[in-house]
Amino acid sequence: MSPMASFRVGDKVVYPNQGVGVIEHISRRDLGENGQEFYLLRIEASNLRVMVPLTSAANVGIRPVTGAAEITPILGFLQCPDRFPCASDWKGRFRENSDKMRGGALAQVAEVLKSLVQLHHAKPLSFREKKMLDRAAMLLAAELASASNCSVDQAFERVQECLAKASLVLPPQSPENGR
């Protein structure tokens, strides 16, 4: 393994907007005169396999799974009854939320989830926002499950319990986004 590789085979990592994955292999491919090393990730939720150049891993946003100690403030944020501000027009709100989802930080995924659940309680969500809410819930539950060594279903229930303390209820997931 290269000294540049910051992850090892078997490590669980987060690939932004895709979820938790496992480093299955680190390989070298010759591309013209130069060779390049790649991580081969398998995304747990979809079994999707992704090759990421080691030199691009940081730019792509691949990061370790959030630690258990860092999960506590995120769950506390979900429980807090305070309203989370978001853009009032649909396009601005969607762009802002999309940027947060692509960023890959778990706290930002939680922000998207909470703001969309709050909005859902005020008015019906658009199809795209409903899909984003489902995706945020899935990403949060998957990472919580990895950090807490529990099942995704147990983590999803924990997210729902936290939101309930803020008097919020997740809408039913779309059939194509179900767990």
C-alpha atoms as a PDB file:
ATOM      1  CA  MET A   1       0.000   0.000   0.000  1.00  0.00           C
ATOM      2  CA  SER A   2       1.237   3.459  -0.844  1.00  0.00           C
ATOM      3  CA  PRO A   3       2.316   5.856   1.900  1.00  0.00           C
ATOM      4  CA  MET A   4      -0.283   8.247   0.397  1.00  0.00           C
ATOM      5  CA  ALA A   5      -3.167   5.884   1.210  1.00  0.00           C
ATOM      6  CA  SER A   6      -4.935   7.072   4.332  1.00  0.00           C
ATOM      7  CA  PHE A   7      -7.423   4.184   4.415  1.00  0.00           C
ATOM      8  CA  ARG A   8      -6.788   0.459   4.471  1.00  0.00           C
ATOM      9  CA  VAL A   9      -8.647  -2.506   3.042  1.00  0.00           C
ATOM     10  CA  GLY A  10     -11.613  -3.237   5.306  1.00  0.00           C
ATOM     11  CA  ASP A  11     -12.018   0.353   6.536  1.00  0.00           C
ATOM     12  CA  LYS A  12     -15.530   1.766   6.549  1.00  0.00           C
ATOM     13  CA  VAL A  13     -15.734   5.178   4.931  1.00  0.00           C
ATOM     14  CA  VAL A  14     -18.432   7.601   3.830  1.00  0.00           C
ATOM     15  CA  TYR A  15     -18.761   8.493   0.168  1.00  0.00           C
ATOM     16  CA  PRO A  16     -20.742  11.760   0.048  1.00  0.00           C
ATOM     17  CA  ASN A  17     -24.359  11.451  -1.060  1.00  0.00           C
ATOM     18  CA  GLN A  18     -23.932   7.682  -1.508  1.00  0.00           C
ATOM     19  CA  GLY A  19     -23.452   6.475   2.044  1.00  0.00           C
ATOM     20  CA  VAL A  20     -21.233   4.132   4.012  1.00  0.00           C
ATOM     21  CA  GLY A  21     -18.871   1.964   2.038  1.00  0.00           C
ATOM     22  CA  VAL A  22     -16.083  -0.497   2.678  1.00  0.00           C
ATOM     23  CA  ILE A  23     -12.629  -0.282   1.116  1.00  0.00           C
ATOM     24  CA  GLU A  24     -12.433  -3.651  -0.624  1.00  0.00           C
ATOM     25  CA  HIS A  25      -9.168  -3.208  -2.470  1.00  0.00           C
ATOM     26  CA  ILE A  26      -6.394  -0.745  -3.175  1.00  0.00           C
ATOM     27  CA  SER A  27      -4.937  -1.227  -6.613  1.00  0.00           C
ATOM     28  CA  ARG A  28      -2.545   0.375  -9.030  1.00  0.00           C
ATOM     29  CA  ARG A  29      -3.460   0.985 -12.651  1.00  0.00           C
ATOM     30  CA  ASP A  30      -1.004   2.071 -15.306  1.00  0.00           C
ATOM     31  CA  LEU A  31      -2.397   4.988 -17.254  1.00  0.00           C
ATOM     32  CA  GLY A  32       0.032   5.911 -20.010  1.00  0.00           C
ATOM     33  CA  GLU A  33       3.439   6.799 -18.580  1.00  0.00           C
ATOM     34  CA  ASN A  34       2.191   7.163 -15.028  1.00  0.00           C
ATOM     35  CA  GLY A  35       0.517   4.737 -12.721  1.00  0.00           C
ATOM     36  CA  GLN A  36      -2.206   5.686 -10.329  1.00  0.00           C
ATOM     37  CA  GLU A  37      -3.540   4.038  -7.186  1.00  0.00           C
ATOM     38  CA  PHE A  38      -7.263   3.596  -6.577  1.00  0.00           C
ATOM     39  CA  TYR A  39      -9.565   2.668  -3.733  1.00  0.00           C
ATOM     40  CA  LEU A  40     -12.247   0.184  -4.714  1.00  0.00           C
ATOM     41  CA  LEU A  41     -15.258   0.910  -2.485  1.00  0.00           C
ATOM     42  CA  ARG A  42     -18.444  -1.092  -2.108  1.00  0.00           C
ATOM     43  CA  ILE A  43     -21.332   1.087  -0.961  1.00  0.00           C
ATOM     44  CA  GLU A  44     -23.246  -0.956   1.619  1.00  0.00           C
ATOM     45  CA  ALA A  45     -26.768   0.275   0.903  1.00  0.00           C
ATOM     46  CA  SER A  46     -26.667  -0.321  -2.852  1.00  0.00           C
ATOM     47  CA  ASN A  47     -23.742  -2.732  -3.404  1.00  0.00           C
ATOM     48  CA  LEU A  48     -22.476  -0.129  -5.884  1.00  0.00           C
ATOM     49  CA  ARG A  49     -18.743  -0.397  -6.521  1.00  0.00           C
ATOM     50  CA  VAL A  50     -16.772   2.803  -7.019  1.00  0.00           C
ATOM     51  CA  MET A  51     -13.130   3.341  -7.945  1.00  0.00           C
ATOM     52  CA  VAL A  52     -11.631   6.512  -6.501  1.00  0.00           C
ATOM     53  CA  PRO A  53      -8.079   7.660  -7.192  1.00  0.00           C
ATOM     54  CA  LEU A  54      -6.157   8.021  -3.936  1.00  0.00           C
ATOM     55  CA  THR A  55      -5.059  11.478  -5.055  1.00  0.00           C
ATOM     56  CA  SER A  56      -8.722  12.555  -5.431  1.00  0.00           C
ATOM     57  CA  ALA A  57     -10.167  10.944  -2.304  1.00  0.00           C
ATOM     58  CA  ALA A  58     -10.022  14.153  -0.247  1.00  0.00           C
ATOM     59  CA  ASN A  59     -11.517  16.254  -3.073  1.00  0.00           C
ATOM     60  CA  VAL A  60     -14.335  13.733  -3.528  1.00  0.00           C
ATOM     61  CA  GLY A  61     -15.007  13.999   0.202  1.00  0.00           C
ATOM     62  CA  ILE A  62     -14.356  10.431   1.271  1.00  0.00           C
ATOM     63  CA  ARG A  63     -14.027  10.431   5.040  1.00  0.00           C
ATOM     64  CA  PRO A  64     -14.079   8.019   7.968  1.00  0.00           C
ATOM     65  CA  VAL A  65     -17.443   7.092   9.461  1.00  0.00           C
ATOM     66  CA  THR A  66     -18.458   9.628  12.108  1.00  0.00           C
ATOM     67  CA  GLY A  67     -17.409   8.501  15.569  1.00  0.00           C
ATOM     68  CA  ALA A  68     -19.890   7.651  18.303  1.00  0.00           C
ATOM     69  CA  ALA A  69     -18.886  10.762  20.307  1.00  0.00           C
ATOM     70  CA  GLU A  70     -19.650  13.007  17.315  1.00  0.00           C
ATOM     71  CA  ILE A  71     -23.080  11.386  16.838  1.00  0.00           C
ATOM     72  CA  THR A  72     -24.435  12.667  20.178  1.00  0.00           C
ATOM     73  CA  PRO A  73     -24.590  16.375  19.198  1.00  0.00           C
ATOM     74  CA  ILE A  74     -26.164  15.466  15.851  1.00  0.00           C
ATOM     75  CA  LEU A  75     -28.921  13.491  17.582  1.00  0.00           C
ATOM     76  CA  GLY A  76     -29.298  16.373  20.046  1.00  0.00           C
ATOM     77  CA  PHE A  77     -29.797  18.741  17.110  1.00  0.00           C
ATOM     78  CA  LEU A  78     -32.594  16.517  15.766  1.00  0.00           C
ATOM     79  CA  GLN A  79     -34.299  16.544  19.186  1.00  0.00           C
ATOM     80  CA  CYS A  80     -34.189  20.308  19.576  1.00  0.00           C
ATOM     81  CA  PRO A  81     -37.619  21.837  18.846  1.00  0.00           C
ATOM     82  CA  ASP A  82     -36.125  25.025  17.356  1.00  0.00           C
ATOM     83  CA  ARG A  83     -37.061  25.709  13.753  1.00  0.00           C
ATOM     84  CA  PHE A  84     -34.206  25.334  11.316  1.00  0.00           C
ATOM     85  CA  PRO A  85     -34.184  28.167   8.769  1.00  0.00           C
ATOM     86  CA  CYS A  86     -34.118  27.382   5.059  1.00  0.00           C
ATOM     87  CA  ALA A  87     -34.559  29.375   1.859  1.00  0.00           C
ATOM     88  CA  SER A  88     -38.185  30.248   1.169  1.00  0.00           C
ATOM     89  CA  ASP A  89     -38.153  29.739  -2.598  1.00  0.00           C
ATOM     90  CA  TRP A  90     -38.050  26.154  -3.857  1.00  0.00           C
ATOM     91  CA  LYS A  91     -35.043  26.570  -6.169  1.00  0.00           C
ATOM     92  CA  GLY A  92     -32.861  28.258  -3.561  1.00  0.00           C
ATOM     93  CA  ARG A  93     -33.812  25.738  -0.898  1.00  0.00           C
ATOM     94  CA  PHE A  94     -33.176  22.780  -3.202  1.00  0.00           C
ATOM     95  CA  ARG A  95     -29.783  24.141  -4.299  1.00  0.00           C
ATOM     96  CA  GLU A  96     -28.761  24.820  -0.687  1.00  0.00           C
ATOM     97  CA  ASN A  97     -29.835  21.351   0.434  1.00  0.00           C
ATOM     98  CA  SER A  98     -28.173  19.675  -2.567  1.00  0.00           C
ATOM     99  CA  ASP A  99     -24.884  21.387  -1.706  1.00  0.00           C
ATOM    100  CA  LYS A 100     -25.126  20.147   1.877  1.00  0.00           C
ATOM    101  CA  MET A 101     -25.865  16.588   0.735  1.00  0.00           C
ATOM    102  CA  ARG A 102     -22.913  16.602  -1.686  1.00  0.00           C
ATOM    103  CA  GLY A 103     -20.651  17.973   1.036  1.00  0.00           C
ATOM    104  CA  GLY A 104     -21.068  14.707   2.894  1.00  0.00           C
ATOM    105  CA  ALA A 105     -20.754  15.941   6.493  1.00  0.00           C
ATOM    106  CA  LEU A 106     -23.208  14.063   8.681  1.00  0.00           C
ATOM    107  CA  ALA A 107     -24.228  17.236  10.528  1.00  0.00           C
ATOM    108  CA  GLN A 108     -25.229  18.820   7.205  1.00  0.00           C
ATOM    109  CA  VAL A 109     -27.222  15.729   6.206  1.00  0.00           C
ATOM    110  CA  ALA A 110     -29.036  16.049   9.559  1.00  0.00           C
ATOM    111  CA  GLU A 111     -29.728  19.732   8.797  1.00  0.00           C
ATOM    112  CA  VAL A 112     -31.284  18.801   5.452  1.00  0.00           C
ATOM    113  CA  LEU A 113     -33.370  16.068   7.063  1.00  0.00           C
ATOM    114  CA  LYS A 114     -34.676  18.289   9.852  1.00  0.00           C
ATOM    115  CA  SER A 115     -35.439  21.273   7.612  1.00  0.00           C
ATOM    116  CA  LEU A 116     -37.330  19.101   5.119  1.00  0.00           C
ATOM    117  CA  VAL A 117     -39.307  17.342   7.872  1.00  0.00           C
ATOM    118  CA  GLN A 118     -40.222  20.751   9.301  1.00  0.00           C
ATOM    119  CA  LEU A 119     -41.241  21.958   5.843  1.00  0.00           C
ATOM    120  CA  HIS A 120     -43.280  18.776   5.291  1.00  0.00           C
ATOM    121  CA  HIS A 121     -45.283  19.613   8.414  1.00  0.00           C
ATOM    122  CA  ALA A 122     -46.056  23.062   6.975  1.00  0.00           C
ATOM    123  CA  LYS A 123     -46.861  22.063   3.380  1.00  0.00           C
ATOM    124  CA  PRO A 124     -46.494  19.140   0.964  1.00  0.00           C
ATOM    125  CA  LEU A 125     -42.979  18.603  -0.360  1.00  0.00           C
ATOM    126  CA  SER A 126     -42.224  18.551  -4.062  1.00  0.00           C
ATOM    127  CA  PHE A 127     -41.309  15.162  -5.534  1.00  0.00           C
ATOM    128  CA  ARG A 128     -37.588  16.073  -5.612  1.00  0.00           C
ATOM    129  CA  GLU A 129     -37.598  17.353  -2.038  1.00  0.00           C
ATOM    130  CA  LYS A 130     -39.398  14.201  -0.873  1.00  0.00           C
ATOM    131  CA  LYS A 131     -36.707  12.080  -2.554  1.00  0.00           C
ATOM    132  CA  MET A 132     -34.025  14.229  -0.895  1.00  0.00           C
ATOM    133  CA  LEU A 133     -35.682  13.803   2.504  1.00  0.00           C
ATOM    134  CA  ASP A 134     -35.779  10.019   2.002  1.00  0.00           C
ATOM    135  CA  ARG A 135     -32.107  10.026   0.961  1.00  0.00           C
ATOM    136  CA  ALA A 136     -31.067  12.166   3.950  1.00  0.00           C
ATOM    137  CA  ALA A 137     -32.901   9.799   6.324  1.00  0.00           C
ATOM    138  CA  MET A 138     -31.243   6.765   4.717  1.00  0.00           C
ATOM    139  CA  LEU A 139     -27.748   8.326   4.801  1.00  0.00           C
ATOM    140  CA  LEU A 140     -28.130   9.415   8.425  1.00  0.00           C
ATOM    141  CA  ALA A 141     -29.459   6.021   9.542  1.00  0.00           C
ATOM    142  CA  ALA A 142     -26.743   4.108   7.653  1.00  0.00           C
ATOM    143  CA  GLU A 143     -23.923   6.121   9.195  1.00  0.00           C
ATOM    144  CA  LEU A 144     -25.515   6.031  12.639  1.00  0.00           C
ATOM    145  CA  ALA A 145     -25.774   2.236  12.308  1.00  0.00           C
ATOM    146  CA  SER A 146     -22.080   1.957  11.419  1.00  0.00           C
ATOM    147  CA  ALA A 147     -21.009   4.287  14.231  1.00  0.00           C
ATOM    148  CA  SER A 148     -23.235   2.568  16.810  1.00  0.00           C
ATOM    149  CA  ASN A 149     -22.797  -1.053  15.676  1.00  0.00           C
ATOM    150  CA  CYS A 150     -26.533  -1.556  15.245  1.00  0.00           C
ATOM    151  CA  SER A 151     -28.804  -2.359  12.304  1.00  0.00           C
ATOM    152  CA  VAL A 152     -29.954   0.321   9.892  1.00  0.00           C
ATOM    153  CA  ASP A 153     -33.545  -0.307  11.025  1.00  0.00           C
ATOM    154  CA  GLN A 154     -32.562   0.291  14.671  1.00  0.00           C
ATOM    155  CA  ALA A 155     -30.708   3.468  13.680  1.00  0.00           C
ATOM    156  CA  PHE A 156     -33.696   4.656  11.646  1.00  0.00           C
ATOM    157  CA  GLU A 157     -35.932   4.138  14.698  1.00  0.00           C
ATOM    158  CA  ARG A 158     -33.462   6.168  16.773  1.00  0.00           C
ATOM    159  CA  VAL A 159     -33.638   9.031  14.255  1.00  0.00           C
ATOM    160  CA  GLN A 160     -37.443   8.893  14.402  1.00  0.00           C
ATOM    161  CA  GLU A 161     -37.356   8.960  18.227  1.00  0.00           C
ATOM    162  CA  CYS A 162     -35.087  12.019  18.208  1.00  0.00           C
ATOM    163  CA  LEU A 163     -37.347  13.854  15.760  1.00  0.00           C
ATOM    164  CA  ALA A 164     -40.390  12.926  17.863  1.00  0.00           C
ATOM    165  CA  LYS A 165     -38.822  14.784  20.815  1.00  0.00           C
ATOM    166  CA  ALA A 166     -38.944  17.887  18.597  1.00  0.00           C
ATOM    167  CA  SER A 167     -42.593  17.098  17.738  1.00  0.00           C
ATOM    168  CA  LEU A 168     -41.591  16.058  14.209  1.00  0.00           C
ATOM    169  CA  VAL A 169     -42.579  12.921  12.332  1.00  0.00           C
ATOM    170  CA  LEU A 170     -40.830  11.542   9.281  1.00  0.00           C
ATOM    171  CA  PRO A 171     -43.267  11.029   6.418  1.00  0.00           C
ATOM    172  CA  PRO A 172     -43.450   7.480   5.051  1.00  0.00           C
ATOM    173  CA  GLN A 173     -40.611   6.725   2.666  1.00  0.00           C
ATOM    174  CA  SER A 174     -41.260   6.445  -1.036  1.00  0.00           C
ATOM    175  CA  PRO A 175     -41.454   2.774  -2.107  1.00  0.00           C
ATOM    176  CA  GLU A 176     -38.296   3.040  -4.262  1.00  0.00           C
ATOM    177  CA  ASN A 177     -36.368   4.529  -1.307  1.00  0.00           C
ATOM    178  CA  GLY A 178     -37.623   2.124   1.330  1.00  0.00           C
ATOM    179  CA  ARG A 179     -35.273   0.330   3.700  1.00  0.00           C
END
